[in-house]
């Protein structure tokens, strides 16, 4: 409401993101507060799923499961190894 009161248009791209667009619908009386919260939760889950799909398709992304202190140390060592390998290997020139 504060952003809109300062003259930012509802059509502003930054306001068309999860959370903002649902709250604007609520402020405009298009949906109830409960629908607003429910829709934000749903859209956040969908967005997170799309991000995971995108990240999983990128071979440069390395996933680490860290549940214990020992897992963190193993992950940190692997990250350092990957970083050193990338810094020491010649960079490929893009054509």
C-alpha atoms as a PDB file:
ATOM      1  CA  UNK A   1       0.000   0.000   0.000  1.00  0.00           C
ATOM      2  CA  UNK A   2       2.868   2.350   0.809  1.00  0.00           C
ATOM      3  CA  UNK A   3       4.502   1.777  -2.585  1.00  0.00           C
ATOM      4  CA  UNK A   4       1.245   2.441  -4.395  1.00  0.00           C
ATOM      5  CA  UNK A   5       0.605   5.552  -2.292  1.00  0.00           C
ATOM      6  CA  UNK A   6       3.983   6.883  -3.455  1.00  0.00           C
ATOM      7  CA  UNK A   7       2.838   6.668  -7.055  1.00  0.00           C
ATOM      8  CA  UNK A   8       4.350   3.383  -8.165  1.00  0.00           C
ATOM      9  CA  UNK A   9       2.029   1.855 -10.771  1.00  0.00           C
ATOM     10  CA  UNK A  10       0.515  -1.580 -10.173  1.00  0.00           C
ATOM     11  CA  UNK A  11       1.863  -2.564 -13.587  1.00  0.00           C
ATOM     12  CA  UNK A  12       5.481  -2.012 -12.510  1.00  0.00           C
ATOM     13  CA  UNK A  13       7.424  -5.180 -13.323  1.00  0.00           C
ATOM     14  CA  UNK A  14       8.885  -5.372  -9.799  1.00  0.00           C
ATOM     15  CA  UNK A  15       5.350  -5.441  -8.376  1.00  0.00           C
ATOM     16  CA  UNK A  16       4.434  -8.393 -10.585  1.00  0.00           C
ATOM     17  CA  UNK A  17       6.375 -10.798  -8.379  1.00  0.00           C
ATOM     18  CA  UNK A  18       5.200 -13.350  -5.843  1.00  0.00           C
ATOM     19  CA  UNK A  19       3.754 -11.588  -2.845  1.00  0.00           C
ATOM     20  CA  UNK A  20       3.302  -8.140  -4.331  1.00  0.00           C
ATOM     21  CA  UNK A  21       0.747  -9.034  -6.982  1.00  0.00           C
ATOM     22  CA  UNK A  22      -1.378 -11.016  -4.516  1.00  0.00           C
ATOM     23  CA  UNK A  23      -1.293  -8.242  -1.912  1.00  0.00           C
ATOM     24  CA  UNK A  24      -2.278  -5.700  -4.577  1.00  0.00           C
ATOM     25  CA  UNK A  25      -5.237  -7.934  -5.499  1.00  0.00           C
ATOM     26  CA  UNK A  26      -6.186  -8.010  -1.807  1.00  0.00           C
ATOM     27  CA  UNK A  27      -5.853  -4.226  -1.471  1.00  0.00           C
ATOM     28  CA  UNK A  28      -8.038  -3.787  -4.565  1.00  0.00           C
ATOM     29  CA  UNK A  29     -10.706  -6.005  -2.969  1.00  0.00           C
ATOM     30  CA  UNK A  30     -10.357  -8.680  -5.655  1.00  0.00           C
ATOM     31  CA  UNK A  31      -9.516 -11.444  -3.156  1.00  0.00           C
ATOM     32  CA  UNK A  32      -9.889 -11.994   0.581  1.00  0.00           C
ATOM     33  CA  UNK A  33      -6.959 -11.908   3.006  1.00  0.00           C
ATOM     34  CA  UNK A  34      -7.165 -15.699   3.350  1.00  0.00           C
ATOM     35  CA  UNK A  35      -7.068 -16.101  -0.442  1.00  0.00           C
ATOM     36  CA  UNK A  36      -4.133 -13.693  -0.565  1.00  0.00           C
ATOM     37  CA  UNK A  37      -2.110 -15.722   1.931  1.00  0.00           C
ATOM     38  CA  UNK A  38      -3.064 -19.029   0.323  1.00  0.00           C
ATOM     39  CA  UNK A  39      -2.176 -17.775  -3.152  1.00  0.00           C
ATOM     40  CA  UNK A  40       1.185 -16.399  -1.987  1.00  0.00           C
ATOM     41  CA  UNK A  41       2.019 -19.778  -0.440  1.00  0.00           C
ATOM     42  CA  UNK A  42       0.988 -21.649  -3.592  1.00  0.00           C
ATOM     43  CA  UNK A  43       2.833 -19.322  -5.936  1.00  0.00           C
ATOM     44  CA  UNK A  44       5.953 -19.430  -3.755  1.00  0.00           C
ATOM     45  CA  UNK A  45       5.968 -23.249  -3.923  1.00  0.00           C
ATOM     46  CA  UNK A  46       5.538 -23.128  -7.706  1.00  0.00           C
ATOM     47  CA  UNK A  47       8.336 -20.586  -8.078  1.00  0.00           C
ATOM     48  CA  UNK A  48      10.662 -22.653  -5.895  1.00  0.00           C
ATOM     49  CA  UNK A  49       9.886 -25.748  -7.975  1.00  0.00           C
ATOM     50  CA  UNK A  50      10.735 -23.874 -11.200  1.00  0.00           C
ATOM     51  CA  UNK A  51      13.995 -22.666  -9.655  1.00  0.00           C
ATOM     52  CA  UNK A  52      14.951 -26.198  -8.600  1.00  0.00           C
ATOM     53  CA  UNK A  53      14.172 -27.495 -12.089  1.00  0.00           C
ATOM     54  CA  UNK A  54      16.371 -24.792 -13.598  1.00  0.00           C
ATOM     55  CA  UNK A  55      19.240 -25.376 -11.146  1.00  0.00           C
ATOM     56  CA  UNK A  56      19.133 -29.159 -11.602  1.00  0.00           C
ATOM     57  CA  UNK A  57      19.562 -28.716 -15.355  1.00  0.00           C
ATOM     58  CA  UNK A  58      22.764 -26.705 -14.861  1.00  0.00           C
ATOM     59  CA  UNK A  59      25.821 -29.013 -14.748  1.00  0.00           C
ATOM     60  CA  UNK A  60      27.801 -26.256 -13.014  1.00  0.00           C
ATOM     61  CA  UNK A  61      25.571 -26.439  -9.925  1.00  0.00           C
ATOM     62  CA  UNK A  62      26.797 -28.785  -7.203  1.00  0.00           C
ATOM     63  CA  UNK A  63      24.392 -29.845  -4.475  1.00  0.00           C
ATOM     64  CA  UNK A  64      25.509 -30.676  -0.954  1.00  0.00           C
ATOM     65  CA  UNK A  65      23.425 -32.234   1.788  1.00  0.00           C
ATOM     66  CA  UNK A  66      24.561 -30.781   5.084  1.00  0.00           C
ATOM     67  CA  UNK A  67      22.937 -32.280   8.146  1.00  0.00           C
ATOM     68  CA  UNK A  68      25.875 -32.607  10.531  1.00  0.00           C
ATOM     69  CA  UNK A  69      29.019 -30.601  11.249  1.00  0.00           C
ATOM     70  CA  UNK A  70      31.068 -33.250   9.448  1.00  0.00           C
ATOM     71  CA  UNK A  71      28.918 -32.813   6.318  1.00  0.00           C
ATOM     72  CA  UNK A  72      29.671 -29.094   6.347  1.00  0.00           C
ATOM     73  CA  UNK A  73      33.415 -29.735   6.513  1.00  0.00           C
ATOM     74  CA  UNK A  74      33.213 -32.247   3.649  1.00  0.00           C
ATOM     75  CA  UNK A  75      31.157 -29.823   1.549  1.00  0.00           C
ATOM     76  CA  UNK A  76      33.553 -26.948   2.288  1.00  0.00           C
ATOM     77  CA  UNK A  77      36.531 -29.058   1.220  1.00  0.00           C
ATOM     78  CA  UNK A  78      34.750 -30.083  -2.001  1.00  0.00           C
ATOM     79  CA  UNK A  79      33.826 -26.468  -2.754  1.00  0.00           C
ATOM     80  CA  UNK A  80      37.464 -25.444  -2.256  1.00  0.00           C
ATOM     81  CA  UNK A  81      38.621 -28.296  -4.535  1.00  0.00           C
ATOM     82  CA  UNK A  82      36.174 -27.276  -7.282  1.00  0.00           C
ATOM     83  CA  UNK A  83      37.169 -23.620  -6.954  1.00  0.00           C
ATOM     84  CA  UNK A  84      40.898 -24.411  -7.167  1.00  0.00           C
ATOM     85  CA  UNK A  85      40.337 -26.631 -10.215  1.00  0.00           C
ATOM     86  CA  UNK A  86      38.361 -23.907 -11.988  1.00  0.00           C
ATOM     87  CA  UNK A  87      40.884 -21.198 -11.135  1.00  0.00           C
ATOM     88  CA  UNK A  88      43.843 -23.298 -12.299  1.00  0.00           C
ATOM     89  CA  UNK A  89      42.321 -24.614 -15.523  1.00  0.00           C
ATOM     90  CA  UNK A  90      42.619 -22.396 -18.618  1.00  0.00           C
ATOM     91  CA  UNK A  91      39.415 -20.565 -19.419  1.00  0.00           C
ATOM     92  CA  UNK A  92      37.669 -21.594 -22.569  1.00  0.00           C
ATOM     93  CA  UNK A  93      37.343 -18.817 -25.095  1.00  0.00           C
ATOM     94  CA  UNK A  94      33.849 -18.256 -26.332  1.00  0.00           C
ATOM     95  CA  UNK A  95      33.412 -18.064 -30.074  1.00  0.00           C
END
